[in-house]
Structure formats: structure tokens, C-alpha cells
Amino acid sequence: MAHPSDPNRPNPHEDALDIPADATVDLSFDDGSTLDLQKFADEAAEQVGSDLGSEDDVNGLINKELERTLEEARTRIQDLEKREQEYMDKHHRLLADFSNYRNRTTREIQMAVDLEVKKLLTEILPVMDNFERSLESTYPSLETFQGGVALIQKQFQDVLRKIGVTPVELKVGDPFDAQHAEALTTMANPALPDGSVAAVYEKGYNLNGALLRPARVVVNSVEDGAQGSASAQ
């Protein structure tokens, strides 16, 4: 049962909230109507929405942000495409420079080869002239003819020496060396050591110290008994 309000009775909540004793909330309206809380909340929400803007405004802001992001992406793509084009142009220039360098080097090598061939032919042609003169000449004896041929041979050897061609020093009786000679066949000559050169069929030649052509030789192959009997004699 509720107790009647006693104006002299102290209110236990007054000290905690520090509310004046005569403080009241007036929820009444001048026209006498009552407060509709739902309507009040809807109006407040509409007011907040009006501060933010309409739905079209919100969509517009989103679209602007998307357009800004898209524009940044387009700018980035254009920058990358520009850099790619620069790299491609540089690559094409390098290819063109390399192709020009290769063609120029090929021409220079071919010119150097042609020049060396020309120099070689210039040295050989006098030898050919001497051969032709010897064929047109008459000799009183075979020895005179042989002497003329020997002079032409020496001239040709001098030409070879000028271009770096020298004969492989190999003679009969030297040990067979497969690095500088090629064995055509074998023969038995008791007067020569076994495994030595018995005959030189073709001379070998070096070009600037490197083997140009191996000598073609016949290798001596003597049985032990024949070698021993030849030594005893």
C-alpha cells in the first residue's frame, strides 16, 4: 500500500542526483495532445538523414570515390604502358645496333680476309711467272734445268715463310711422332731403329707455330731377331 506523500519526509534520491525538489518534466503540449514517441524518433531520424543528405547524395559520394580510384588506376596503367614502350624502344634500338655491329664486323672480317688473300696472291704470282719462263726457255743440259727449278722452289719457300708457313723438321731415322706425322704404311729396314721414320712421302707444314698439315711417312717396323742381327753386323 502506497504511502501518501509527505512533504516533510526527506527524498532519499535528492542527494544522489542533486535534483531540486521542485524540478519537473513537462511532457504536455499546448494544444493538449500527448507525446508520440515513435513519431518523435522518426522525425529525429529524418533530421539526421537530412544532415547526411539523401540516398542519391550518398550514392553520388560513393560513385565519386570509385571514379577517383579508377582514375588513379588508369593513370598508373598509362605510366606503366609508357615505361613499357620506352623499354621496347630501347630494346629495338639495341637490336638494331647489334645487327649493324654484326654486319659491320662481318664486312671488316671479309675485307681483312680478302686483303690477306690479295697479299698472298701477289707473292705467289712471281713464282708463277718464273714457272712460265722456265717452260718457254731452252736448257743446254738437264743439270741447268734442275738448277732453274731449284731456284723457283727456293723462291716459293721464301713466299711461304713470309706468310708464316714453315716445314715440319722431320727426316728419315727420326722417331715417329703421331702429333706431327701420319703413318701411311710400314716397312722393314734393319739399318733403321724400330718405330722410326723410314721414308717421308709428303712434308708436313706449320702455320705460325701450329700444325697446318701433318707429314705423311712410312714407319719402320723391324722384328727383334732382324734388329739383333743387324746390330751384330
Protein backbone atom coordinates (compact mmCIF):
# COMPACT_ATOMS: atom_id res chain seq x y z
CA MET A 1 0.00 0.00 0.00
CA ALA A 2 1.46 3.26 -1.09
CA HIS A 3 2.05 5.87 1.50
CA PRO A 4 0.74 9.33 0.91
CA SER A 5 3.37 11.80 0.02
CA ASP A 6 4.65 13.64 2.97
CA PRO A 7 6.06 16.98 2.06
CA ASN A 8 8.14 16.96 5.17
CA ARG A 9 9.59 13.50 4.51
CA PRO A 10 13.08 13.64 3.00
CA ASN A 11 13.55 12.17 -0.54
CA PRO A 12 16.45 9.63 -0.49
CA HIS A 13 17.29 10.33 -4.25
CA GLU A 14 17.63 14.06 -3.96
CA ASP A 15 21.14 13.94 -2.53
CA ALA A 16 22.42 11.43 -5.12
CA LEU A 17 21.01 13.23 -8.20
CA ASP A 18 21.12 16.70 -6.72
CA ILE A 19 17.75 17.46 -8.31
CA PRO A 20 15.79 20.37 -6.92
CA ALA A 21 12.70 19.35 -5.13
CA ASP A 22 10.50 21.40 -7.44
CA ALA A 23 12.09 20.06 -10.73
CA THR A 24 9.50 18.56 -13.03
CA VAL A 25 9.41 17.44 -16.70
CA ASP A 26 6.61 18.82 -18.69
CA LEU A 27 5.63 16.40 -21.47
CA SER A 28 2.38 18.12 -22.16
CA PHE A 29 1.74 20.16 -25.33
CA ASP A 30 -0.01 23.49 -25.56
CA ASP A 31 -2.74 22.02 -27.71
CA GLY A 32 -3.38 19.34 -25.11
CA SER A 33 -2.21 16.41 -27.27
CA THR A 34 0.02 13.63 -25.84
CA LEU A 35 3.64 12.87 -26.96
CA ASP A 36 4.02 10.18 -29.72
CA LEU A 37 7.49 8.67 -29.08
CA GLN A 38 7.60 6.71 -32.39
CA LYS A 39 6.77 9.78 -34.36
CA PHE A 40 9.38 11.71 -32.44
CA ALA A 41 12.05 9.07 -33.24
CA ASP A 42 11.10 9.05 -36.93
CA GLU A 43 11.35 12.81 -37.11
CA ALA A 44 14.75 12.70 -35.40
CA ALA A 45 15.97 10.06 -37.87
CA GLU A 46 14.72 12.15 -40.77
CA GLN A 47 16.55 15.15 -39.34
CA VAL A 48 19.81 13.15 -39.09
CA GLY A 49 19.28 11.81 -42.62
CA SER A 50 18.72 15.33 -43.89
CA ASP A 51 22.08 16.32 -42.36
CA LEU A 52 23.84 13.45 -44.19
CA GLY A 53 21.94 14.04 -47.41
CA SER A 54 19.59 12.00 -49.48
CA GLU A 55 20.24 8.49 -50.80
CA ASP A 56 21.19 9.93 -54.17
CA ASP A 57 23.75 12.14 -52.47
CA VAL A 58 25.29 9.14 -50.69
CA ASN A 59 25.43 7.19 -53.95
CA GLY A 60 26.96 10.18 -55.59
CA LEU A 61 29.73 10.30 -52.99
CA ILE A 62 30.39 6.58 -53.47
CA ASN A 63 30.50 7.00 -57.24
CA LYS A 64 32.90 9.92 -56.95
CA GLU A 65 35.21 7.85 -54.76
CA LEU A 66 35.05 4.95 -57.20
CA GLU A 67 35.74 7.29 -60.11
CA ARG A 68 38.73 8.76 -58.28
CA THR A 69 40.13 5.28 -57.60
CA LEU A 70 39.50 4.27 -61.21
CA GLU A 71 41.23 7.41 -62.46
CA GLU A 72 44.26 6.66 -60.30
CA ALA A 73 44.35 3.12 -61.70
CA ARG A 74 44.12 4.46 -65.25
CA THR A 75 46.95 6.90 -64.57
CA ARG A 76 49.06 4.10 -63.15
CA ILE A 77 48.34 1.88 -66.15
CA GLN A 78 49.24 4.69 -68.55
CA ASP A 79 52.50 5.24 -66.70
CA LEU A 80 53.33 1.53 -66.88
CA GLU A 81 52.44 1.42 -70.58
CA LYS A 82 54.66 4.43 -71.20
CA ARG A 83 57.58 2.79 -69.39
CA GLU A 84 56.97 -0.46 -71.28
CA GLN A 85 57.07 1.44 -74.58
CA GLU A 86 60.32 3.11 -73.56
CA TYR A 87 61.86 -0.27 -72.72
CA MET A 88 60.63 -1.72 -76.01
CA ASP A 89 62.10 1.21 -77.94
CA LYS A 90 65.40 0.77 -76.13
CA HIS A 91 65.31 -2.98 -76.86
CA HIS A 92 64.68 -2.35 -80.55
CA ARG A 93 67.49 0.19 -80.70
CA LEU A 94 69.87 -2.31 -79.08
CA LEU A 95 68.83 -4.97 -81.58
CA ALA A 96 69.40 -2.56 -84.44
CA ASP A 97 72.79 -1.53 -83.05
CA PHE A 98 73.81 -5.17 -82.60
CA SER A 99 72.67 -6.02 -86.13
CA ASN A 100 74.66 -3.10 -87.53
CA TYR A 101 77.69 -4.12 -85.45
CA ARG A 102 77.46 -7.71 -86.66
CA ASN A 103 77.14 -6.66 -90.28
CA ARG A 104 79.99 -4.18 -89.94
CA THR A 105 82.20 -6.78 -88.24
CA THR A 106 81.38 -9.34 -90.93
CA ARG A 107 82.31 -6.86 -93.63
CA GLU A 108 85.54 -5.94 -91.87
CA ILE A 109 86.50 -9.59 -91.43
CA GLN A 110 85.74 -10.30 -95.07
CA MET A 111 87.78 -7.27 -96.11
CA ALA A 112 90.70 -8.44 -93.96
CA VAL A 113 90.49 -11.94 -95.47
CA ASP A 114 90.34 -10.51 -98.97
CA LEU A 115 93.33 -8.31 -98.22
CA GLU A 116 95.37 -11.25 -96.94
CA VAL A 117 94.40 -13.35 -99.95
CA LYS A 118 95.39 -10.50 -102.21
CA LYS A 119 98.75 -10.19 -100.47
CA LEU A 120 99.30 -13.95 -100.77
CA LEU A 121 98.45 -14.00 -104.45
CA THR A 122 100.69 -11.01 -105.02
CA GLU A 123 103.56 -13.02 -103.52
CA ILE A 124 102.74 -16.18 -105.47
CA LEU A 125 102.27 -14.64 -108.91
CA PRO A 126 106.01 -14.01 -109.41
CA VAL A 127 106.61 -17.70 -108.78
CA MET A 128 104.08 -18.49 -111.48
CA ASP A 129 105.86 -16.08 -113.81
CA ASN A 130 109.15 -17.93 -113.26
CA PHE A 131 107.48 -21.26 -113.98
CA GLU A 132 106.16 -19.92 -117.25
CA ARG A 133 109.59 -18.54 -118.20
CA SER A 134 111.23 -21.87 -117.43
CA LEU A 135 108.78 -23.66 -119.68
CA GLU A 136 109.44 -21.23 -122.51
CA SER A 137 113.23 -21.44 -122.15
CA THR A 138 115.64 -23.96 -123.56
CA TYR A 139 118.35 -25.53 -121.44
CA PRO A 140 121.65 -26.93 -122.64
CA SER A 141 121.58 -29.72 -120.08
CA LEU A 142 119.39 -31.44 -117.53
CA GLU A 143 121.51 -30.04 -114.72
CA THR A 144 120.81 -26.48 -115.90
CA PHE A 145 117.07 -27.19 -115.96
CA GLN A 146 117.19 -28.70 -112.48
CA GLY A 147 119.08 -25.66 -111.22
CA GLY A 148 116.40 -23.34 -112.59
CA VAL A 149 113.64 -25.40 -110.93
CA ALA A 150 115.57 -25.34 -107.66
CA LEU A 151 115.65 -21.53 -107.81
CA ILE A 152 111.89 -21.42 -108.33
CA GLN A 153 111.42 -23.83 -105.42
CA LYS A 154 113.51 -21.59 -103.15
CA GLN A 155 111.51 -18.55 -104.23
CA PHE A 156 108.27 -20.34 -103.39
CA GLN A 157 109.64 -21.41 -99.99
CA ASP A 158 110.51 -17.78 -99.27
CA VAL A 159 106.95 -16.79 -100.07
CA LEU A 160 105.60 -19.43 -97.69
CA ARG A 161 107.98 -18.27 -94.99
CA LYS A 162 106.72 -14.69 -95.34
CA ILE A 163 103.16 -15.76 -94.56
CA GLY A 164 104.24 -17.92 -91.60
CA VAL A 165 104.36 -21.34 -93.26
CA THR A 166 107.38 -23.44 -92.28
CA PRO A 167 108.13 -27.13 -92.89
CA VAL A 168 107.96 -29.70 -90.10
CA GLU A 169 111.54 -30.72 -89.33
CA LEU A 170 111.36 -34.47 -89.94
CA LYS A 171 113.82 -36.73 -91.70
CA VAL A 172 114.46 -40.41 -92.20
CA GLY A 173 115.61 -42.10 -88.98
CA ASP A 174 113.75 -39.73 -86.63
CA PRO A 175 111.31 -41.33 -84.17
CA PHE A 176 107.74 -41.43 -85.45
CA ASP A 177 105.61 -38.74 -83.75
CA ALA A 178 101.87 -39.11 -84.27
CA GLN A 179 101.33 -35.45 -83.28
CA HIS A 180 103.18 -34.21 -86.36
CA ALA A 181 103.10 -37.15 -88.78
CA GLU A 182 100.64 -39.60 -90.28
CA ALA A 183 101.69 -43.21 -90.89
CA LEU A 184 100.79 -44.45 -94.35
CA THR A 185 102.27 -47.94 -94.06
CA THR A 186 105.22 -49.82 -92.57
CA MET A 187 108.38 -51.31 -93.99
CA ALA A 188 111.29 -53.31 -92.59
CA ASN A 189 114.69 -51.66 -92.79
CA PRO A 190 117.22 -53.28 -90.43
CA ALA A 191 119.51 -50.28 -90.79
CA LEU A 192 116.98 -48.01 -89.05
CA PRO A 193 115.60 -48.18 -85.49
CA ASP A 194 112.29 -49.86 -85.00
CA GLY A 195 109.43 -47.32 -84.93
CA SER A 196 111.42 -44.66 -86.74
CA VAL A 197 110.59 -42.83 -89.98
CA ALA A 198 111.69 -45.00 -92.90
CA ALA A 199 110.60 -42.59 -95.64
CA VAL A 200 108.88 -39.20 -95.98
CA TYR A 201 106.14 -39.30 -98.60
CA GLU A 202 104.87 -35.73 -98.04
CA LYS A 203 106.34 -32.97 -95.91
CA GLY A 204 104.40 -31.52 -93.06
CA TYR A 205 103.95 -27.76 -92.52
CA ASN A 206 103.27 -25.41 -89.61
CA LEU A 207 101.40 -22.12 -89.81
CA ASN A 208 102.62 -19.59 -87.26
CA GLY A 209 103.84 -22.38 -84.99
CA ALA A 210 100.66 -24.51 -85.21
CA LEU A 211 100.40 -27.68 -87.28
CA LEU A 212 98.93 -26.91 -90.69
CA ARG A 213 99.38 -30.31 -92.29
CA PRO A 214 100.95 -33.46 -90.81
CA ALA A 215 103.74 -35.19 -92.67
CA ARG A 216 102.84 -38.43 -94.40
CA VAL A 217 105.50 -41.03 -93.70
CA VAL A 218 106.38 -44.71 -93.80
CA VAL A 219 107.19 -46.19 -90.38
CA ASN A 220 109.96 -48.72 -89.91
CA SER A 221 108.91 -51.98 -88.31
CA VAL A 222 111.74 -54.46 -87.67
CA GLU A 223 111.39 -57.80 -85.91
CA ASP A 224 113.52 -58.31 -82.81
CA GLY A 225 115.62 -61.00 -84.46
CA ALA A 226 116.36 -58.95 -87.55
CA GLN A 227 117.17 -55.93 -85.36
CA GLY A 228 119.59 -58.02 -83.28
CA SER A 229 121.33 -59.47 -86.34
CA ALA A 230 121.71 -56.01 -87.86
CA SER A 231 123.28 -54.73 -84.64
CA ALA A 232 125.72 -57.67 -84.55
CA GLN A 233 126.93 -56.92 -88.02
